[in-house]
Amino acid sequence: MRRALPFPISNLGNCNLVITNIWIGNTATNDYSLSGLPSFPIILEPGHIVGEGDFNVVFSPTAISRTRTATLNVTYVSDHSPGRR
């Protein structure tokens, strides 16, 4: 089973946002992948989303279990302050 779901990362602020990395972490990272991810750095203007809507998280489990989880990490810099979510 392989399923791609949109994962909108948007800039709701009023200044440009520079994304320097997006990656998958946690225990079941082999079950997840990213598609439609532009190259870095991604300069996101206010109101825009990463990949213009083509960015997806793809789930391809290697085993059937309800505990197949992972985290999506984003490293960014804005005109206001650096951060990580």
PDB file of N, CA and C in Angstrom:
ATOM      1  N   MET A   1       0.840  -1.171   0.000  1.00  0.00           N
ATOM      2  CA  MET A   1       0.000   0.000   0.000  1.00  0.00           C
ATOM      3  C   MET A   1       0.893   1.245   0.000  1.00  0.00           C
ATOM      4  N   ARG A   2       0.681   2.107  -0.942  1.00  0.00           N
ATOM      5  CA  ARG A   2       1.441   3.361  -1.036  1.00  0.00           C
ATOM      6  C   ARG A   2       0.425   4.483  -1.181  1.00  0.00           C
ATOM      7  N   ARG A   3       0.558   5.488  -0.335  1.00  0.00           N
ATOM      8  CA  ARG A   3      -0.393   6.591  -0.357  1.00  0.00           C
ATOM      9  C   ARG A   3       0.339   7.918  -0.188  1.00  0.00           C
ATOM     10  N   ALA A   4       0.095   8.839  -1.129  1.00  0.00           N
ATOM     11  CA  ALA A   4       0.689  10.178  -1.063  1.00  0.00           C
ATOM     12  C   ALA A   4      -0.387  11.161  -0.629  1.00  0.00           C
ATOM     13  N   LEU A   5      -0.082  11.917   0.405  1.00  0.00           N
ATOM     14  CA  LEU A   5      -1.018  12.911   0.919  1.00  0.00           C
ATOM     15  C   LEU A   5      -0.359  14.282   0.933  1.00  0.00           C
ATOM     16  N   PRO A   6      -1.094  15.320   0.533  1.00  0.00           N
ATOM     17  CA  PRO A   6      -0.537  16.673   0.571  1.00  0.00           C
ATOM     18  C   PRO A   6      -0.182  17.066   1.993  1.00  0.00           C
ATOM     19  N   PHE A   7       0.906  17.791   2.131  1.00  0.00           N
ATOM     20  CA  PHE A   7       1.327  18.314   3.427  1.00  0.00           C
ATOM     21  C   PHE A   7       1.700  19.773   3.230  1.00  0.00           C
ATOM     22  N   PRO A   8       0.705  20.659   3.293  1.00  0.00           N
ATOM     23  CA  PRO A   8       0.988  22.068   3.013  1.00  0.00           C
ATOM     24  C   PRO A   8       1.785  22.731   4.136  1.00  0.00           C
ATOM     25  N   ILE A   9       2.917  23.281   3.767  1.00  0.00           N
ATOM     26  CA  ILE A   9       3.709  24.103   4.670  1.00  0.00           C
ATOM     27  C   ILE A   9       3.611  25.509   4.090  1.00  0.00           C
ATOM     28  N   SER A  10       2.986  26.415   4.830  1.00  0.00           N
ATOM     29  CA  SER A  10       2.728  27.741   4.277  1.00  0.00           C
ATOM     30  C   SER A  10       3.355  28.838   5.126  1.00  0.00           C
ATOM     31  N   ASN A  11       3.488  29.997   4.512  1.00  0.00           N
ATOM     32  CA  ASN A  11       4.000  31.175   5.195  1.00  0.00           C
ATOM     33  C   ASN A  11       2.819  32.079   5.496  1.00  0.00           C
ATOM     34  N   LEU A  12       2.408  32.121   6.752  1.00  0.00           N
ATOM     35  CA  LEU A  12       1.291  32.952   7.175  1.00  0.00           C
ATOM     36  C   LEU A  12       1.755  34.314   7.693  1.00  0.00           C
ATOM     37  N   GLY A  13       3.051  34.539   7.674  1.00  0.00           N
ATOM     38  CA  GLY A  13       3.594  35.796   8.173  1.00  0.00           C
ATOM     39  C   GLY A  13       3.561  36.900   7.136  1.00  0.00           C
ATOM     40  N   ASN A  14       4.250  37.989   7.448  1.00  0.00           N
ATOM     41  CA  ASN A  14       4.262  39.125   6.534  1.00  0.00           C
ATOM     42  C   ASN A  14       5.650  39.412   5.971  1.00  0.00           C
ATOM     43  N   CYS A  15       6.590  38.444   6.113  1.00  0.00           N
ATOM     44  CA  CYS A  15       7.914  38.585   5.524  1.00  0.00           C
ATOM     45  C   CYS A  15       8.312  37.235   4.929  1.00  0.00           C
ATOM     46  N   ASN A  16       9.357  37.259   4.087  1.00  0.00           N
ATOM     47  CA  ASN A  16       9.811  36.000   3.487  1.00  0.00           C
ATOM     48  C   ASN A  16      10.301  35.028   4.552  1.00  0.00           C
ATOM     49  N   LEU A  17      10.105  33.755   4.278  1.00  0.00           N
ATOM     50  CA  LEU A  17      10.555  32.676   5.145  1.00  0.00           C
ATOM     51  C   LEU A  17      11.510  31.822   4.322  1.00  0.00           C
ATOM     52  N   VAL A  18      12.696  31.549   4.840  1.00  0.00           N
ATOM     53  CA  VAL A  18      13.680  30.743   4.131  1.00  0.00           C
ATOM     54  C   VAL A  18      13.750  29.381   4.820  1.00  0.00           C
ATOM     55  N   ILE A  19      13.334  28.339   4.103  1.00  0.00           N
ATOM     56  CA  ILE A  19      13.377  26.974   4.634  1.00  0.00           C
ATOM     57  C   ILE A  19      14.680  26.349   4.168  1.00  0.00           C
ATOM     58  N   THR A  20      15.484  25.882   5.119  1.00  0.00           N
ATOM     59  CA  THR A  20      16.791  25.315   4.794  1.00  0.00           C
ATOM     60  C   THR A  20      16.820  23.786   4.835  1.00  0.00           C
ATOM     61  N   ASN A  21      15.776  23.171   5.416  1.00  0.00           N
ATOM     62  CA  ASN A  21      15.733  21.706   5.449  1.00  0.00           C
ATOM     63  C   ASN A  21      14.336  21.233   5.835  1.00  0.00           C
ATOM     64  N   ILE A  22      13.913  20.136   5.232  1.00  0.00           N
ATOM     65  CA  ILE A  22      12.691  19.414   5.612  1.00  0.00           C
ATOM     66  C   ILE A  22      13.070  17.942   5.608  1.00  0.00           C
ATOM     67  N   TRP A  23      12.830  17.249   6.722  1.00  0.00           N
ATOM     68  CA  TRP A  23      13.196  15.838   6.790  1.00  0.00           C
ATOM     69  C   TRP A  23      12.234  15.077   7.689  1.00  0.00           C
ATOM     70  N   ILE A  24      12.265  13.765   7.525  1.00  0.00           N
ATOM     71  CA  ILE A  24      11.420  12.863   8.313  1.00  0.00           C
ATOM     72  C   ILE A  24      12.277  12.246   9.408  1.00  0.00           C
ATOM     73  N   GLY A  25      11.741  12.227  10.619  1.00  0.00           N
ATOM     74  CA  GLY A  25      12.442  11.631  11.740  1.00  0.00           C
ATOM     75  C   GLY A  25      11.511  10.746  12.544  1.00  0.00           C
ATOM     76  N   ASN A  26      12.026  10.103  13.526  1.00  0.00           N
ATOM     77  CA  ASN A  26      11.320   9.241  14.467  1.00  0.00           C
ATOM     78  C   ASN A  26      11.543   7.778  14.122  1.00  0.00           C
ATOM     79  N   THR A  27      10.720   6.910  14.649  1.00  0.00           N
ATOM     80  CA  THR A  27      11.002   5.476  14.618  1.00  0.00           C
ATOM     81  C   THR A  27      10.702   4.778  13.304  1.00  0.00           C
ATOM     82  N   ALA A  28       9.676   5.171  12.587  1.00  0.00           N
ATOM     83  CA  ALA A  28       9.269   4.444  11.375  1.00  0.00           C
ATOM     84  C   ALA A  28       9.627   5.228  10.110  1.00  0.00           C
ATOM     85  N   THR A  29      10.818   5.817  10.084  1.00  0.00           N
ATOM     86  CA  THR A  29      11.179   6.674   8.955  1.00  0.00           C
ATOM     87  C   THR A  29      11.234   5.940   7.625  1.00  0.00           C
ATOM     88  N   ASN A  30      11.471   4.637   7.615  1.00  0.00           N
ATOM     89  CA  ASN A  30      11.504   3.888   6.360  1.00  0.00           C
ATOM     90  C   ASN A  30      10.121   3.747   5.740  1.00  0.00           C
ATOM     91  N   ASP A  31       9.081   3.980   6.505  1.00  0.00           N
ATOM     92  CA  ASP A  31       7.713   3.886   6.000  1.00  0.00           C
ATOM     93  C   ASP A  31       7.261   5.164   5.301  1.00  0.00           C
ATOM     94  N   TYR A  32       7.998   6.236   5.457  1.00  0.00           N
ATOM     95  CA  TYR A  32       7.600   7.536   4.933  1.00  0.00           C
ATOM     96  C   TYR A  32       8.673   8.099   4.004  1.00  0.00           C
ATOM     97  N   SER A  33       8.228   8.849   3.001  1.00  0.00           N
ATOM     98  CA  SER A  33       9.145   9.574   2.130  1.00  0.00           C
ATOM     99  C   SER A  33       8.480  10.875   1.701  1.00  0.00           C
ATOM    100  N   LEU A  34       9.248  11.733   1.066  1.00  0.00           N
ATOM    101  CA  LEU A  34       8.747  13.032   0.619  1.00  0.00           C
ATOM    102  C   LEU A  34       8.791  13.079  -0.902  1.00  0.00           C
ATOM    103  N   SER A  35       7.754  13.637  -1.524  1.00  0.00           N
ATOM    104  CA  SER A  35       7.759  13.819  -2.971  1.00  0.00           C
ATOM    105  C   SER A  35       7.373  15.258  -3.300  1.00  0.00           C
ATOM    106  N   GLY A  36       7.896  15.751  -4.405  1.00  0.00           N
ATOM    107  CA  GLY A  36       7.602  17.114  -4.831  1.00  0.00           C
ATOM    108  C   GLY A  36       8.301  18.172  -4.016  1.00  0.00           C
ATOM    109  N   LEU A  37       9.373  17.793  -3.327  1.00  0.00           N
ATOM    110  CA  LEU A  37      10.107  18.736  -2.487  1.00  0.00           C
ATOM    111  C   LEU A  37      11.089  19.532  -3.349  1.00  0.00           C
ATOM    112  N   PRO A  38      10.958  20.869  -3.382  1.00  0.00           N
ATOM    113  CA  PRO A  38      11.908  21.677  -4.154  1.00  0.00           C
ATOM    114  C   PRO A  38      13.288  21.642  -3.518  1.00  0.00           C
ATOM    115  N   SER A  39      14.284  22.101  -4.251  1.00  0.00           N
ATOM    116  CA  SER A  39      15.640  22.146  -3.700  1.00  0.00           C
ATOM    117  C   SER A  39      15.757  23.295  -2.697  1.00  0.00           C
ATOM    118  N   PHE A  40      16.729  23.166  -1.811  1.00  0.00           N
ATOM    119  CA  PHE A  40      16.955  24.149  -0.765  1.00  0.00           C
ATOM    120  C   PHE A  40      17.983  25.175  -1.201  1.00  0.00           C
ATOM    121  N   PRO A  41      17.913  26.378  -0.715  1.00  0.00           N
ATOM    122  CA  PRO A  41      16.913  26.887   0.209  1.00  0.00           C
ATOM    123  C   PRO A  41      15.604  27.193  -0.522  1.00  0.00           C
ATOM    124  N   ILE A  42      14.504  27.034   0.190  1.00  0.00           N
ATOM    125  CA  ILE A  42      13.188  27.372  -0.328  1.00  0.00           C
ATOM    126  C   ILE A  42      12.827  28.740   0.242  1.00  0.00           C
ATOM    127  N   ILE A  43      12.635  29.720  -0.628  1.00  0.00           N
ATOM    128  CA  ILE A  43      12.248  31.061  -0.185  1.00  0.00           C
ATOM    129  C   ILE A  43      10.737  31.165  -0.347  1.00  0.00           C
ATOM    130  N   LEU A  44      10.061  31.230   0.776  1.00  0.00           N
ATOM    131  CA  LEU A  44       8.599  31.217   0.798  1.00  0.00           C
ATOM    132  C   LEU A  44       8.093  32.627   1.080  1.00  0.00           C
ATOM    133  N   GLU A  45       7.460  33.218   0.091  1.00  0.00           N
ATOM    134  CA  GLU A  45       6.890  34.555   0.262  1.00  0.00           C
ATOM    135  C   GLU A  45       5.603  34.452   1.078  1.00  0.00           C
ATOM    136  N   PRO A  46       5.161  35.548   1.694  1.00  0.00           N
ATOM    137  CA  PRO A  46       3.913  35.528   2.468  1.00  0.00           C
ATOM    138  C   PRO A  46       2.750  34.995   1.625  1.00  0.00           C
ATOM    139  N   GLY A  47       1.988  34.076   2.207  1.00  0.00           N
ATOM    140  CA  GLY A  47       0.832  33.492   1.537  1.00  0.00           C
ATOM    141  C   GLY A  47       1.142  32.327   0.624  1.00  0.00           C
ATOM    142  N   HIS A  48       2.416  31.990   0.415  1.00  0.00           N
ATOM    143  CA  HIS A  48       2.782  30.892  -0.474  1.00  0.00           C
ATOM    144  C   HIS A  48       2.970  29.597   0.314  1.00  0.00           C
ATOM    145  N   ILE A  49       2.933  28.455  -0.413  1.00  0.00           N
ATOM    146  CA  ILE A  49       3.143  27.151   0.216  1.00  0.00           C
ATOM    147  C   ILE A  49       4.288  26.422  -0.480  1.00  0.00           C
ATOM    148  N   VAL A  50       4.949  25.528   0.226  1.00  0.00           N
ATOM    149  CA  VAL A  50       6.084  24.773  -0.304  1.00  0.00           C
ATOM    150  C   VAL A  50       5.630  23.926  -1.486  1.00  0.00           C
ATOM    151  N   GLY A  51       6.388  23.993  -2.573  1.00  0.00           N
ATOM    152  CA  GLY A  51       6.112  23.171  -3.744  1.00  0.00           C
ATOM    153  C   GLY A  51       4.868  23.564  -4.505  1.00  0.00           C
ATOM    154  N   GLU A  52       4.323  24.729  -4.217  1.00  0.00           N
ATOM    155  CA  GLU A  52       3.111  25.214  -4.891  1.00  0.00           C
ATOM    156  C   GLU A  52       1.990  24.181  -4.868  1.00  0.00           C
ATOM    157  N   GLY A  53       1.904  23.434  -3.769  1.00  0.00           N
ATOM    158  CA  GLY A  53       0.841  22.442  -3.599  1.00  0.00           C
ATOM    159  C   GLY A  53       1.199  21.046  -4.061  1.00  0.00           C
ATOM    160  N   ASP A  54       2.393  20.856  -4.633  1.00  0.00           N
ATOM    161  CA  ASP A  54       2.799  19.532  -5.119  1.00  0.00           C
ATOM    162  C   ASP A  54       3.630  18.743  -4.114  1.00  0.00           C
ATOM    163  N   PHE A  55       3.859  19.294  -2.920  1.00  0.00           N
ATOM    164  CA  PHE A  55       4.648  18.623  -1.891  1.00  0.00           C
ATOM    165  C   PHE A  55       3.761  17.610  -1.163  1.00  0.00           C
ATOM    166  N   ASN A  56       4.213  16.359  -1.093  1.00  0.00           N
ATOM    167  CA  ASN A  56       3.441  15.286  -0.463  1.00  0.00           C
ATOM    168  C   ASN A  56       4.302  14.475   0.492  1.00  0.00           C
ATOM    169  N   VAL A  57       3.660  13.907   1.479  1.00  0.00           N
ATOM    170  CA  VAL A  57       4.266  12.886   2.322  1.00  0.00           C
ATOM    171  C   VAL A  57       3.715  11.556   1.826  1.00  0.00           C
ATOM    172  N   VAL A  58       4.605  10.623   1.527  1.00  0.00           N
ATOM    173  CA  VAL A  58       4.217   9.326   0.985  1.00  0.00           C
ATOM    174  C   VAL A  58       4.364   8.275   2.080  1.00  0.00           C
ATOM    175  N   PHE A  59       3.288   7.508   2.296  1.00  0.00           N
ATOM    176  CA  PHE A  59       3.290   6.448   3.307  1.00  0.00           C
ATOM    177  C   PHE A  59       3.285   5.103   2.596  1.00  0.00           C
ATOM    178  N   SER A  60       4.338   4.326   2.804  1.00  0.00           N
ATOM    179  CA  SER A  60       4.481   2.979   2.245  1.00  0.00           C
ATOM    180  C   SER A  60       4.939   2.054   3.363  1.00  0.00           C
ATOM    181  N   PRO A  61       3.998   1.572   4.183  1.00  0.00           N
ATOM    182  CA  PRO A  61       4.392   0.790   5.358  1.00  0.00           C
ATOM    183  C   PRO A  61       5.073  -0.523   4.991  1.00  0.00           C
ATOM    184  N   THR A  62       6.065  -0.872   5.792  1.00  0.00           N
ATOM    185  CA  THR A  62       6.757  -2.155   5.618  1.00  0.00           C
ATOM    186  C   THR A  62       6.135  -3.233   6.490  1.00  0.00           C
ATOM    187  N   ALA A  63       5.246  -2.834   7.406  1.00  0.00           N
ATOM    188  CA  ALA A  63       4.520  -3.775   8.265  1.00  0.00           C
ATOM    189  C   ALA A  63       3.185  -3.133   8.629  1.00  0.00           C
ATOM    190  N   ILE A  64       2.212  -3.960   8.962  1.00  0.00           N
ATOM    191  CA  ILE A  64       0.901  -3.449   9.364  1.00  0.00           C
ATOM    192  C   ILE A  64       0.901  -3.252  10.871  1.00  0.00           C
ATOM    193  N   SER A  65       0.715  -1.989  11.273  1.00  0.00           N
ATOM    194  CA  SER A  65       0.718  -1.651  12.691  1.00  0.00           C
ATOM    195  C   SER A  65       0.168  -0.253  12.857  1.00  0.00           C
ATOM    196  N   ARG A  66      -0.571  -0.024  13.919  1.00  0.00           N
ATOM    197  CA  ARG A  66      -1.094   1.319  14.190  1.00  0.00           C
ATOM    198  C   ARG A  66      -0.025   2.248  14.747  1.00  0.00           C
ATOM    199  N   THR A  67       1.108   1.714  15.091  1.00  0.00           N
ATOM    200  CA  THR A  67       2.150   2.532  15.712  1.00  0.00           C
ATOM    201  C   THR A  67       3.228   2.955  14.728  1.00  0.00           C
ATOM    202  N   ARG A  68       2.971   2.955  13.440  1.00  0.00           N
ATOM    203  CA  ARG A  68       3.953   3.360  12.428  1.00  0.00           C
ATOM    204  C   ARG A  68       3.903   4.881  12.282  1.00  0.00           C
ATOM    205  N   THR A  69       4.604   5.572  13.137  1.00  0.00           N
ATOM    206  CA  THR A  69       4.564   7.029  13.135  1.00  0.00           C
ATOM    207  C   THR A  69       5.945   7.615  12.846  1.00  0.00           C
ATOM    208  N   ALA A  70       5.945   8.863  12.439  1.00  0.00           N
ATOM    209  CA  ALA A  70       7.183   9.606  12.202  1.00  0.00           C
ATOM    210  C   ALA A  70       6.877  11.077  12.404  1.00  0.00           C
ATOM    211  N   THR A  71       7.909  11.888  12.417  1.00  0.00           N
ATOM    212  CA  THR A  71       7.734  13.328  12.530  1.00  0.00           C
ATOM    213  C   THR A  71       8.265  13.996  11.275  1.00  0.00           C
ATOM    214  N   LEU A  72       7.658  15.101  10.909  1.00  0.00           N
ATOM    215  CA  LEU A  72       8.148  15.909   9.799  1.00  0.00           C
ATOM    216  C   LEU A  72       8.776  17.155  10.411  1.00  0.00           C
ATOM    217  N   ASN A  73      10.048  17.376  10.131  1.00  0.00           N
ATOM    218  CA  ASN A  73      10.801  18.483  10.721  1.00  0.00           C
ATOM    219  C   ASN A  73      11.113  19.530   9.660  1.00  0.00           C
ATOM    220  N   VAL A  74      11.019  20.791  10.049  1.00  0.00           N
ATOM    221  CA  VAL A  74      11.291  21.910   9.148  1.00  0.00           C
ATOM    222  C   VAL A  74      12.253  22.861   9.848  1.00  0.00           C
ATOM    223  N   THR A  75      13.368  23.177   9.185  1.00  0.00           N
ATOM    224  CA  THR A  75      14.293  24.182   9.683  1.00  0.00           C
ATOM    225  C   THR A  75      14.121  25.423   8.817  1.00  0.00           C
ATOM    226  N   TYR A  76      13.941  26.570   9.463  1.00  0.00           N
ATOM    227  CA  TYR A  76      13.662  27.797   8.712  1.00  0.00           C
ATOM    228  C   TYR A  76      14.320  29.003   9.362  1.00  0.00           C
ATOM    229  N   VAL A  77      14.419  30.077   8.590  1.00  0.00           N
ATOM    230  CA  VAL A  77      14.900  31.367   9.066  1.00  0.00           C
ATOM    231  C   VAL A  77      13.940  32.408   8.519  1.00  0.00           C
ATOM    232  N   SER A  78      13.514  33.325   9.363  1.00  0.00           N
ATOM    233  CA  SER A  78      12.671  34.428   8.915  1.00  0.00           C
ATOM    234  C   SER A  78      13.385  35.734   9.199  1.00  0.00           C
ATOM    235  N   ASP A  79      12.828  36.829   8.743  1.00  0.00           N
ATOM    236  CA  ASP A  79      13.432  38.134   9.031  1.00  0.00           C
ATOM    237  C   ASP A  79      13.364  38.459  10.519  1.00  0.00           C
ATOM    238  N   HIS A  80      12.498  37.768  11.262  1.00  0.00           N
ATOM    239  CA  HIS A  80      12.315  38.062  12.685  1.00  0.00           C
ATOM    240  C   HIS A  80      13.263  37.249  13.571  1.00  0.00           C
ATOM    241  N   SER A  81      13.333  35.940  13.339  1.00  0.00           N
ATOM    242  CA  SER A  81      14.224  35.120  14.168  1.00  0.00           C
ATOM    243  C   SER A  81      14.362  33.736  13.565  1.00  0.00           C
ATOM    244  N   PRO A  82      15.502  33.040  13.808  1.00  0.00           N
ATOM    245  CA  PRO A  82      15.642  31.671  13.336  1.00  0.00           C
ATOM    246  C   PRO A  82      14.791  30.739  14.193  1.00  0.00           C
ATOM    247  N   GLY A  83      14.414  29.608  13.622  1.00  0.00           N
ATOM    248  CA  GLY A  83      13.610  28.681  14.405  1.00  0.00           C
ATOM    249  C   GLY A  83      13.545  27.312  13.798  1.00  0.00           C
ATOM    250  N   ARG A  84      12.900  26.430  14.526  1.00  0.00           N
ATOM    251  CA  ARG A  84      12.698  25.057  14.073  1.00  0.00           C
ATOM    252  C   ARG A  84      11.367  24.599  14.616  1.00  0.00           C
ATOM    253  N   ARG A  85      10.562  23.976  13.783  1.00  0.00           N
ATOM    254  CA  ARG A  85       9.267  23.439  14.193  1.00  0.00           C
ATOM    255  C   ARG A  85       9.213  21.976  13.906  1.00  0.00           C
TER     256      ARG A  85
END
